[in-house]
């Protein structure tokens, strides 16, 4: 079966089954290489909510990530 045929069959599935298929397929990807734990994310969110740090724009975030990846 070709990719186009598989895609056509998948698109014909009811929403619930398509969602289950997507979830199953996403689960086959390897975890991204990150060193940020859930605890770190929670801590940073609490800092932001408490006003201890300021938010940055999405554009600034993307810029910083791109700079980091160039190193």
PDB file of N, CA and C in Angstrom:
ATOM      1  N   UNK A   1       0.854  -1.175   0.000  1.00  0.00           N
ATOM      2  CA  UNK A   1       0.000   0.000   0.000  1.00  0.00           C
ATOM      3  C   UNK A   1       0.899   1.236   0.000  1.00  0.00           C
ATOM      4  N   UNK A   2       0.583   2.197  -0.835  1.00  0.00           N
ATOM      5  CA  UNK A   2       1.400   3.411  -0.946  1.00  0.00           C
ATOM      6  C   UNK A   2       1.036   4.401   0.161  1.00  0.00           C
ATOM      7  N   UNK A   3       1.897   5.390   0.335  1.00  0.00           N
ATOM      8  CA  UNK A   3       1.645   6.441   1.319  1.00  0.00           C
ATOM      9  C   UNK A   3       0.330   7.146   1.031  1.00  0.00           C
ATOM     10  N   UNK A   4       0.078   7.452  -0.219  1.00  0.00           N
ATOM     11  CA  UNK A   4      -1.160   8.153  -0.599  1.00  0.00           C
ATOM     12  C   UNK A   4      -2.378   7.313  -0.231  1.00  0.00           C
ATOM     13  N   UNK A   5      -2.302   6.008  -0.453  1.00  0.00           N
ATOM     14  CA  UNK A   5      -3.421   5.132  -0.103  1.00  0.00           C
ATOM     15  C   UNK A   5      -3.625   5.077   1.410  1.00  0.00           C
ATOM     16  N   UNK A   6      -2.523   5.005   2.142  1.00  0.00           N
ATOM     17  CA  UNK A   6      -2.612   4.978   3.608  1.00  0.00           C
ATOM     18  C   UNK A   6      -3.231   6.280   4.116  1.00  0.00           C
ATOM     19  N   UNK A   7      -2.767   7.400   3.557  1.00  0.00           N
ATOM     20  CA  UNK A   7      -3.308   8.699   3.969  1.00  0.00           C
ATOM     21  C   UNK A   7      -4.799   8.787   3.657  1.00  0.00           C
ATOM     22  N   UNK A   8      -5.185   8.346   2.496  1.00  0.00           N
ATOM     23  CA  UNK A   8      -6.603   8.373   2.105  1.00  0.00           C
ATOM     24  C   UNK A   8      -7.436   7.540   3.075  1.00  0.00           C
ATOM     25  N   UNK A   9      -6.958   6.349   3.396  1.00  0.00           N
ATOM     26  CA  UNK A   9      -7.668   5.479   4.337  1.00  0.00           C
ATOM     27  C   UNK A   9      -7.753   6.131   5.720  1.00  0.00           C
ATOM     28  N   UNK A  10      -6.661   6.736   6.159  1.00  0.00           N
ATOM     29  CA  UNK A  10      -6.642   7.377   7.479  1.00  0.00           C
ATOM     30  C   UNK A  10      -7.621   8.546   7.535  1.00  0.00           C
ATOM     31  N   UNK A  11      -7.672   9.339   6.476  1.00  0.00           N
ATOM     32  CA  UNK A  11      -8.587  10.482   6.439  1.00  0.00           C
ATOM     33  C   UNK A  11     -10.046  10.052   6.440  1.00  0.00           C
ATOM     34  N   UNK A  12     -10.318   8.848   5.986  1.00  0.00           N
ATOM     35  CA  UNK A  12     -11.689   8.351   5.942  1.00  0.00           C
ATOM     36  C   UNK A  12     -12.168   7.823   7.297  1.00  0.00           C
ATOM     37  N   UNK A  13     -11.253   7.673   8.244  1.00  0.00           N
ATOM     38  CA  UNK A  13     -11.633   7.168   9.571  1.00  0.00           C
ATOM     39  C   UNK A  13     -12.458   8.200  10.324  1.00  0.00           C
ATOM     40  N   UNK A  14     -13.308   7.748  11.232  1.00  0.00           N
ATOM     41  CA  UNK A  14     -14.019   8.690  12.101  1.00  0.00           C
ATOM     42  C   UNK A  14     -13.012   9.455  12.969  1.00  0.00           C
ATOM     43  N   UNK A  15     -13.408  10.625  13.440  1.00  0.00           N
ATOM     44  CA  UNK A  15     -12.502  11.483  14.220  1.00  0.00           C
ATOM     45  C   UNK A  15     -11.818  10.740  15.361  1.00  0.00           C
ATOM     46  N   UNK A  16     -12.573   9.982  16.126  1.00  0.00           N
ATOM     47  CA  UNK A  16     -12.005   9.284  17.289  1.00  0.00           C
ATOM     48  C   UNK A  16     -10.907   8.309  16.874  1.00  0.00           C
ATOM     49  N   UNK A  17     -11.134   7.576  15.793  1.00  0.00           N
ATOM     50  CA  UNK A  17     -10.129   6.615  15.341  1.00  0.00           C
ATOM     51  C   UNK A  17      -8.916   7.327  14.732  1.00  0.00           C
ATOM     52  N   UNK A  18      -9.149   8.448  14.031  1.00  0.00           N
ATOM     53  CA  UNK A  18      -8.019   9.233  13.505  1.00  0.00           C
ATOM     54  C   UNK A  18      -7.170   9.757  14.644  1.00  0.00           C
ATOM     55  N   UNK A  19      -7.819  10.243  15.703  1.00  0.00           N
ATOM     56  CA  UNK A  19      -7.089  10.754  16.867  1.00  0.00           C
ATOM     57  C   UNK A  19      -6.269   9.635  17.514  1.00  0.00           C
ATOM     58  N   UNK A  20      -6.846   8.456  17.626  1.00  0.00           N
ATOM     59  CA  UNK A  20      -6.123   7.318  18.200  1.00  0.00           C
ATOM     60  C   UNK A  20      -4.928   6.946  17.332  1.00  0.00           C
ATOM     61  N   UNK A  21      -5.104   7.003  16.025  1.00  0.00           N
ATOM     62  CA  UNK A  21      -4.013   6.704  15.108  1.00  0.00           C
ATOM     63  C   UNK A  21      -2.879   7.720  15.250  1.00  0.00           C
ATOM     64  N   UNK A  22      -3.244   8.985  15.313  1.00  0.00           N
ATOM     65  CA  UNK A  22      -2.239  10.041  15.468  1.00  0.00           C
ATOM     66  C   UNK A  22      -1.471   9.843  16.770  1.00  0.00           C
ATOM     67  N   UNK A  23      -2.194   9.574  17.846  1.00  0.00           N
ATOM     68  CA  UNK A  23      -1.558   9.356  19.144  1.00  0.00           C
ATOM     69  C   UNK A  23      -0.593   8.175  19.086  1.00  0.00           C
ATOM     70  N   UNK A  24      -1.024   7.104  18.456  1.00  0.00           N
ATOM     71  CA  UNK A  24      -0.169   5.921  18.341  1.00  0.00           C
ATOM     72  C   UNK A  24       1.077   6.227  17.522  1.00  0.00           C
ATOM     73  N   UNK A  25       0.924   6.967  16.429  1.00  0.00           N
ATOM     74  CA  UNK A  25       2.071   7.290  15.585  1.00  0.00           C
ATOM     75  C   UNK A  25       3.030   8.251  16.281  1.00  0.00           C
ATOM     76  N   UNK A  26       2.491   9.244  16.984  1.00  0.00           N
ATOM     77  CA  UNK A  26       3.350  10.174  17.707  1.00  0.00           C
ATOM     78  C   UNK A  26       4.175   9.450  18.770  1.00  0.00           C
ATOM     79  N   UNK A  27       3.597   8.415  19.348  1.00  0.00           N
ATOM     80  CA  UNK A  27       4.305   7.646  20.357  1.00  0.00           C
ATOM     81  C   UNK A  27       5.493   6.867  19.819  1.00  0.00           C
ATOM     82  N   UNK A  28       5.598   6.767  18.500  1.00  0.00           N
ATOM     83  CA  UNK A  28       6.724   6.030  17.914  1.00  0.00           C
ATOM     84  C   UNK A  28       7.964   6.903  17.713  1.00  0.00           C
ATOM     85  N   UNK A  29       7.805   8.226  17.871  1.00  0.00           N
ATOM     86  CA  UNK A  29       8.959   9.116  17.721  1.00  0.00           C
ATOM     87  C   UNK A  29       9.812   9.065  18.980  1.00  0.00           C
ATOM     88  N   UNK A  30      11.128   9.215  18.827  1.00  0.00           N
ATOM     89  CA  UNK A  30      11.980   9.259  20.018  1.00  0.00           C
ATOM     90  C   UNK A  30      11.731  10.545  20.797  1.00  0.00           C
ATOM     91  N   UNK A  31      12.001  10.498  22.089  1.00  0.00           N
ATOM     92  CA  UNK A  31      11.861  11.698  22.905  1.00  0.00           C
ATOM     93  C   UNK A  31      12.872  12.745  22.455  1.00  0.00           C
ATOM     94  N   UNK A  32      12.475  14.015  22.451  1.00  0.00           N
ATOM     95  CA  UNK A  32      13.421  15.053  22.068  1.00  0.00           C
ATOM     96  C   UNK A  32      14.536  15.153  23.110  1.00  0.00           C
ATOM     97  N   UNK A  33      15.693  15.575  22.667  1.00  0.00           N
ATOM     98  CA  UNK A  33      16.824  15.743  23.577  1.00  0.00           C
ATOM     99  C   UNK A  33      16.647  17.029  24.357  1.00  0.00           C
ATOM    100  N   UNK A  34      16.085  16.913  25.538  1.00  0.00           N
ATOM    101  CA  UNK A  34      15.922  18.069  26.406  1.00  0.00           C
ATOM    102  C   UNK A  34      16.439  17.710  27.780  1.00  0.00           C
ATOM    103  N   UNK A  35      16.901  18.695  28.460  1.00  0.00           N
ATOM    104  CA  UNK A  35      17.366  18.467  29.817  1.00  0.00           C
ATOM    105  C   UNK A  35      16.551  19.299  30.800  1.00  0.00           C
ATOM    106  N   UNK A  36      15.321  19.609  30.429  1.00  0.00           N
ATOM    107  CA  UNK A  36      14.437  20.398  31.281  1.00  0.00           C
ATOM    108  C   UNK A  36      13.386  19.465  31.870  1.00  0.00           C
ATOM    109  N   UNK A  37      13.383  19.379  33.190  1.00  0.00           N
ATOM    110  CA  UNK A  37      12.436  18.498  33.871  1.00  0.00           C
ATOM    111  C   UNK A  37      11.101  19.201  34.082  1.00  0.00           C
ATOM    112  N   UNK A  38      10.102  18.410  34.418  1.00  0.00           N
ATOM    113  CA  UNK A  38       8.800  18.980  34.752  1.00  0.00           C
ATOM    114  C   UNK A  38       8.910  19.905  35.958  1.00  0.00           C
ATOM    115  N   UNK A  39       9.781  19.535  36.917  1.00  0.00           N
ATOM    116  CA  UNK A  39       9.976  20.363  38.109  1.00  0.00           C
ATOM    117  C   UNK A  39      10.549  21.727  37.732  1.00  0.00           C
ATOM    118  N   UNK A  40      11.472  21.742  36.780  1.00  0.00           N
ATOM    119  CA  UNK A  40      12.062  23.003  36.320  1.00  0.00           C
ATOM    120  C   UNK A  40      11.007  23.868  35.644  1.00  0.00           C
ATOM    121  N   UNK A  41      10.181  23.268  34.841  1.00  0.00           N
ATOM    122  CA  UNK A  41       9.116  24.012  34.163  1.00  0.00           C
ATOM    123  C   UNK A  41       8.157  24.610  35.191  1.00  0.00           C
ATOM    124  N   UNK A  42       7.756  23.824  36.173  1.00  0.00           N
ATOM    125  CA  UNK A  42       6.865  24.314  37.223  1.00  0.00           C
ATOM    126  C   UNK A  42       7.501  25.464  37.995  1.00  0.00           C
ATOM    127  N   UNK A  43       8.774  25.314  38.331  1.00  0.00           N
ATOM    128  CA  UNK A  43       9.486  26.362  39.065  1.00  0.00           C
ATOM    129  C   UNK A  43       9.531  27.662  38.268  1.00  0.00           C
ATOM    130  N   UNK A  44       9.827  27.563  37.000  1.00  0.00           N
ATOM    131  CA  UNK A  44       9.895  28.766  36.160  1.00  0.00           C
ATOM    132  C   UNK A  44       8.520  29.403  35.985  1.00  0.00           C
ATOM    133  N   UNK A  45       7.489  28.573  35.876  1.00  0.00           N
ATOM    134  CA  UNK A  45       6.131  29.099  35.769  1.00  0.00           C
ATOM    135  C   UNK A  45       5.749  29.853  37.044  1.00  0.00           C
ATOM    136  N   UNK A  46       6.128  29.303  38.192  1.00  0.00           N
ATOM    137  CA  UNK A  46       5.839  29.967  39.463  1.00  0.00           C
ATOM    138  C   UNK A  46       6.593  31.294  39.575  1.00  0.00           C
ATOM    139  N   UNK A  47       7.846  31.329  39.110  1.00  0.00           N
ATOM    140  CA  UNK A  47       8.613  32.580  39.107  1.00  0.00           C
ATOM    141  C   UNK A  47       7.922  33.638  38.257  1.00  0.00           C
ATOM    142  N   UNK A  48       7.457  33.229  37.111  1.00  0.00           N
ATOM    143  CA  UNK A  48       6.774  34.148  36.203  1.00  0.00           C
ATOM    144  C   UNK A  48       5.488  34.671  36.832  1.00  0.00           C
ATOM    145  N   UNK A  49       4.700  33.762  37.397  1.00  0.00           N
ATOM    146  CA  UNK A  49       3.440  34.154  38.023  1.00  0.00           C
ATOM    147  C   UNK A  49       3.666  35.092  39.210  1.00  0.00           C
ATOM    148  N   UNK A  50       4.762  34.893  39.944  1.00  0.00           N
ATOM    149  CA  UNK A  50       5.053  35.711  41.117  1.00  0.00           C
ATOM    150  C   UNK A  50       5.673  37.058  40.743  1.00  0.00           C
ATOM    151  N   UNK A  51       6.000  37.228  39.474  1.00  0.00           N
ATOM    152  CA  UNK A  51       6.590  38.485  39.033  1.00  0.00           C
ATOM    153  C   UNK A  51       8.087  38.559  39.239  1.00  0.00           C
ATOM    154  N   UNK A  52       8.700  37.447  39.590  1.00  0.00           N
ATOM    155  CA  UNK A  52      10.152  37.418  39.808  1.00  0.00           C
ATOM    156  C   UNK A  52      10.956  37.551  38.526  1.00  0.00           C
ATOM    157  N   UNK A  53      10.353  37.190  37.433  1.00  0.00           N
ATOM    158  CA  UNK A  53      10.994  37.310  36.125  1.00  0.00           C
ATOM    159  C   UNK A  53       9.967  37.842  35.134  1.00  0.00           C
ATOM    160  N   UNK A  54      10.446  38.372  34.037  1.00  0.00           N
ATOM    161  CA  UNK A  54       9.543  38.887  33.010  1.00  0.00           C
ATOM    162  C   UNK A  54       9.414  37.920  31.853  1.00  0.00           C
ATOM    163  N   UNK A  55       8.306  38.003  31.169  1.00  0.00           N
ATOM    164  CA  UNK A  55       8.062  37.165  29.996  1.00  0.00           C
ATOM    165  C   UNK A  55       8.790  37.746  28.790  1.00  0.00           C
ATOM    166  N   UNK A  56       9.066  36.900  27.820  1.00  0.00           N
ATOM    167  CA  UNK A  56       9.626  37.357  26.550  1.00  0.00           C
ATOM    168  C   UNK A  56       8.646  37.001  25.441  1.00  0.00           C
ATOM    169  N   UNK A  57       8.763  37.688  24.330  1.00  0.00           N
ATOM    170  CA  UNK A  57       7.873  37.416  23.203  1.00  0.00           C
ATOM    171  C   UNK A  57       8.266  36.105  22.526  1.00  0.00           C
ATOM    172  N   UNK A  58       7.346  35.584  21.737  1.00  0.00           N
ATOM    173  CA  UNK A  58       7.639  34.369  20.973  1.00  0.00           C
ATOM    174  C   UNK A  58       8.815  34.608  20.031  1.00  0.00           C
ATOM    175  N   UNK A  59       8.843  35.766  19.398  1.00  0.00           N
ATOM    176  CA  UNK A  59       9.930  36.090  18.471  1.00  0.00           C
ATOM    177  C   UNK A  59      11.278  36.086  19.195  1.00  0.00           C
ATOM    178  N   UNK A  60      11.322  36.634  20.405  1.00  0.00           N
ATOM    179  CA  UNK A  60      12.562  36.640  21.182  1.00  0.00           C
ATOM    180  C   UNK A  60      12.961  35.227  21.578  1.00  0.00           C
ATOM    181  N   UNK A  61      11.986  34.418  21.955  1.00  0.00           N
ATOM    182  CA  UNK A  61      12.256  33.024  22.291  1.00  0.00           C
ATOM    183  C   UNK A  61      12.884  32.294  21.102  1.00  0.00           C
ATOM    184  N   UNK A  62      12.273  32.432  19.931  1.00  0.00           N
ATOM    185  CA  UNK A  62      12.784  31.776  18.726  1.00  0.00           C
ATOM    186  C   UNK A  62      14.196  32.267  18.424  1.00  0.00           C
ATOM    187  N   UNK A  63      14.425  33.553  18.544  1.00  0.00           N
ATOM    188  CA  UNK A  63      15.745  34.131  18.300  1.00  0.00           C
ATOM    189  C   UNK A  63      16.786  33.505  19.232  1.00  0.00           C
ATOM    190  N   UNK A  64      16.460  33.398  20.503  1.00  0.00           N
ATOM    191  CA  UNK A  64      17.403  32.835  21.487  1.00  0.00           C
ATOM    192  C   UNK A  64      17.672  31.369  21.210  1.00  0.00           C
ATOM    193  N   UNK A  65      16.632  30.626  20.844  1.00  0.00           N
ATOM    194  CA  UNK A  65      16.829  29.197  20.532  1.00  0.00           C
ATOM    195  C   UNK A  65      17.748  29.064  19.319  1.00  0.00           C
ATOM    196  N   UNK A  66      17.519  29.872  18.292  1.00  0.00           N
ATOM    197  CA  UNK A  66      18.359  29.807  17.101  1.00  0.00           C
ATOM    198  C   UNK A  66      19.805  30.156  17.432  1.00  0.00           C
ATOM    199  N   UNK A  67      20.020  31.135  18.292  1.00  0.00           N
ATOM    200  CA  UNK A  67      21.380  31.496  18.697  1.00  0.00           C
ATOM    201  C   UNK A  67      22.051  30.326  19.425  1.00  0.00           C
ATOM    202  N   UNK A  68      21.310  29.687  20.318  1.00  0.00           N
ATOM    203  CA  UNK A  68      21.849  28.580  21.083  1.00  0.00           C
ATOM    204  C   UNK A  68      22.211  27.418  20.166  1.00  0.00           C
ATOM    205  N   UNK A  69      21.397  27.146  19.169  1.00  0.00           N
ATOM    206  CA  UNK A  69      21.654  26.022  18.263  1.00  0.00           C
ATOM    207  C   UNK A  69      22.856  26.272  17.363  1.00  0.00           C
ATOM    208  N   UNK A  70      23.190  27.521  17.127  1.00  0.00           N
ATOM    209  CA  UNK A  70      24.351  27.831  16.272  1.00  0.00           C
ATOM    210  C   UNK A  70      25.672  27.579  16.988  1.00  0.00           C
ATOM    211  N   UNK A  71      25.639  27.496  18.304  1.00  0.00           N
ATOM    212  CA  UNK A  71      26.889  27.312  19.080  1.00  0.00           C
ATOM    213  C   UNK A  71      27.443  25.950  18.925  1.00  0.00           C
TER     214      UNK A  71
END
